[in-house]
Protein backbone atom coordinates (compact mmCIF):
# COMPACT_ATOMS: atom_id res chain seq x y z
CA UNK A 1 190.01 95.95 78.01
CA UNK A 2 191.45 92.58 76.98
CA UNK A 3 194.02 91.23 79.42
CA UNK A 4 197.50 90.41 78.14
CA UNK A 5 200.04 87.83 79.30
CA UNK A 6 203.45 89.15 80.38
CA UNK A 7 206.49 86.89 80.82
CA UNK A 8 209.50 88.13 82.79
CA UNK A 9 212.30 85.60 82.44
CA UNK A 10 216.08 85.28 82.22
CA UNK A 11 219.02 84.74 84.57
CA UNK A 12 219.19 88.34 85.77
CA UNK A 13 217.78 89.89 88.91
CA UNK A 14 214.54 91.84 88.75
CA UNK A 15 211.74 89.58 87.51
CA UNK A 16 209.72 89.58 90.72
CA UNK A 17 210.59 93.24 91.28
CA UNK A 18 209.19 94.14 87.85
CA UNK A 19 205.99 92.22 88.63
CA UNK A 20 205.69 94.01 91.98
CA UNK A 21 206.15 97.35 90.22
CA UNK A 22 203.30 96.51 87.86
CA UNK A 23 201.17 95.46 90.85
CA UNK A 24 201.77 98.85 92.49
CA UNK A 25 200.79 100.65 89.28
CA UNK A 26 197.67 98.49 88.89
CA UNK A 27 196.72 99.01 92.55
CA UNK A 28 197.02 102.76 92.05
CA UNK A 29 194.52 102.43 89.18
CA UNK A 30 192.04 100.64 91.45
CA UNK A 31 192.73 97.08 90.23
CA UNK A 32 192.20 93.96 92.33
CA UNK A 33 195.39 91.89 92.36
CA UNK A 34 196.16 88.23 93.13
CA UNK A 35 199.77 87.16 93.65
CA UNK A 36 200.64 83.45 93.70
CA UNK A 37 204.20 82.64 94.70
CA UNK A 38 205.40 79.22 93.64
CA UNK A 39 208.39 77.50 95.27
CA UNK A 40 208.81 80.17 97.97
CA UNK A 41 207.44 79.47 101.44
CA UNK A 42 208.27 82.73 103.14
CA UNK A 43 207.03 86.18 102.32
CA UNK A 44 209.65 88.59 101.06
CA UNK A 45 209.34 92.21 102.21
CA UNK A 46 207.92 93.57 98.95
CA UNK A 47 205.19 90.93 98.96
CA UNK A 48 204.61 91.37 102.69
CA UNK A 49 203.86 95.06 102.13
CA UNK A 50 201.52 94.39 99.21
CA UNK A 51 199.63 91.73 101.17
CA UNK A 52 198.65 94.43 103.69
CA UNK A 53 197.00 96.60 101.04
CA UNK A 54 193.32 96.20 100.37
CA UNK A 55 192.46 94.69 96.98
CA UNK A 56 195.66 92.59 96.98
CA UNK A 57 195.64 88.89 97.88
CA UNK A 58 198.87 86.90 98.25
CA UNK A 59 199.06 83.12 98.52
CA UNK A 60 202.20 80.97 98.78
CA UNK A 61 202.43 77.60 97.04
CA UNK A 62 205.86 76.35 97.99
CA UNK A 63 207.74 74.39 100.61
CA UNK A 64 210.94 76.40 100.43
CA UNK A 65 213.77 76.82 98.02
CA UNK A 66 214.80 73.36 96.84
CA UNK A 67 217.73 74.65 94.84
CA UNK A 68 219.90 73.61 97.78
CA UNK A 69 218.09 70.30 98.37
CA UNK A 70 216.28 67.75 96.22
CA UNK A 71 212.69 68.59 95.29
CA UNK A 72 210.23 66.15 96.82
CA UNK A 73 206.57 65.11 96.73
CA UNK A 74 205.58 67.94 99.09
CA UNK A 75 207.07 70.50 96.70
CA UNK A 76 205.10 69.01 93.82
CA UNK A 77 201.87 68.85 95.86
CA UNK A 78 202.20 72.51 96.87
CA UNK A 79 202.79 73.59 93.27
CA UNK A 80 199.87 71.51 91.97
CA UNK A 81 197.63 73.01 94.67
CA UNK A 82 198.77 76.42 93.46
CA UNK A 83 197.98 75.60 89.85
CA UNK A 84 194.46 74.45 90.78
CA UNK A 85 193.89 77.63 92.79
CA UNK A 86 195.27 79.88 90.04
CA UNK A 87 193.08 78.24 87.38
CA UNK A 88 190.02 79.01 89.54
CA UNK A 89 191.14 82.61 90.07
CA UNK A 90 191.79 83.13 86.35
CA UNK A 91 188.44 81.70 85.31
CA UNK A 92 186.42 83.63 87.91
CA UNK A 93 187.72 86.97 86.70
CA UNK A 94 187.41 88.61 90.13
CA UNK A 95 190.97 89.92 89.92
CA UNK A 96 192.19 92.34 87.27
CA UNK A 97 195.86 91.34 87.57
CA UNK A 98 197.17 87.89 88.46
CA UNK A 99 200.89 87.41 89.09
CA UNK A 100 202.39 83.89 89.05
CA UNK A 101 205.78 84.43 90.62
CA UNK A 102 208.45 81.77 89.96
CA UNK A 103 205.95 79.69 87.99
CA UNK A 104 208.62 78.66 85.47
CA UNK A 105 210.43 76.73 88.23
CA UNK A 106 207.30 74.66 88.84
CA UNK A 107 207.09 73.91 85.11
CA UNK A 108 210.82 73.25 84.71
CA UNK A 109 210.86 70.81 87.65
CA UNK A 110 207.89 68.91 86.23
CA UNK A 111 205.47 69.75 89.04
CA UNK A 112 202.99 70.56 86.28
CA UNK A 113 203.35 70.98 82.53
CA UNK A 114 203.50 74.15 80.47
CA UNK A 115 200.41 72.82 78.70
CA UNK A 116 198.47 72.67 81.98
CA UNK A 117 199.46 76.24 82.77
CA UNK A 118 198.65 77.41 79.24
CA UNK A 119 195.20 75.80 79.45
CA UNK A 120 194.54 77.87 82.55
CA UNK A 121 195.57 80.98 80.64
CA UNK A 122 193.30 80.06 77.72
CA UNK A 123 190.35 79.42 80.04
CA UNK A 124 190.74 82.71 81.92
CA UNK A 125 188.28 85.55 81.89
CA UNK A 126 189.43 87.61 78.92
CA UNK A 127 189.88 90.81 80.93
CA UNK A 128 192.43 89.31 83.36
CA UNK A 129 196.01 90.55 82.90
CA UNK A 130 198.58 87.88 83.83
CA UNK A 131 202.28 88.08 84.71
CA UNK A 132 204.47 84.95 84.71
CA UNK A 133 207.95 85.15 86.25
CA UNK A 134 210.94 82.85 86.53
CA UNK A 135 214.15 81.70 84.91
CA UNK A 136 214.40 79.51 81.82
CA UNK A 137 210.88 79.96 80.49
CA UNK A 138 209.96 77.38 77.89
CA UNK A 139 209.44 78.33 74.27
CA UNK A 140 205.77 77.39 74.70
CA UNK A 141 205.39 80.05 77.42
CA UNK A 142 207.28 82.59 75.32
CA UNK A 143 205.02 81.93 72.33
CA UNK A 144 201.84 82.22 74.42
CA UNK A 145 202.86 85.51 76.04
CA UNK A 146 201.94 88.86 74.55
CA UNK A 147 204.97 90.54 76.14
CA UNK A 148 208.28 88.83 76.92
CA UNK A 149 211.07 90.56 78.83
CA UNK A 150 214.38 88.85 79.47
CA UNK A 151 216.43 89.98 82.47
CA UNK A 152 220.05 89.21 81.64
CA UNK A 153 222.77 89.10 84.27
CA UNK A 154 225.86 90.98 83.18
CA UNK A 155 227.44 91.35 86.61
CA UNK A 156 226.20 90.49 90.09
CA UNK A 157 227.81 90.85 93.51
CA UNK A 158 226.53 87.36 94.45
CA UNK A 159 229.52 86.11 92.44
CA UNK A 160 231.82 87.60 95.11
CA UNK A 161 230.07 85.59 97.82
CA UNK A 162 227.77 88.33 99.06
CA UNK A 163 224.50 86.75 100.18
CA UNK A 164 220.99 88.21 99.92
CA UNK A 165 220.76 91.42 101.91
CA UNK A 166 217.80 92.40 104.06
CA UNK A 167 215.68 95.05 102.36
CA UNK A 168 217.49 94.72 99.02
CA UNK A 169 217.17 91.10 97.86
CA UNK A 170 214.63 89.91 100.40
């Protein structure tokens, strides 16, 4: 089976959740799964659970959310380390599903280029299924993907000042 590239993007909630749902389905089918989280430096509950399951590997390539602070050299170094690791994983073909969570942030902040990421996708073992998530995906990523889903925010309780809730958003 030839692996496809999925892109979950947009300003709405649910991109990582959709990727996690696919990981659960793939795990149930006996797949080996690799999840790379860019930007984030702490494990959210859904990822924490998956990391405990056999055949799922989770690695974090972030120094924390820099949306509330300026991005720095450490953020870039962590993302670049992640890209190098992901390229190896994709080429080896030891995992059936590879999820690159929040990878569009790394591209959009210039930590690495869309072209560098796309080269890793081109060089991957052809059977590897890949999911890219994050807001504001570039047109180059959209064009390269076989499936593109846009999550669009219509209404969100964050707008009323409600912060992320334990067990729901984190």
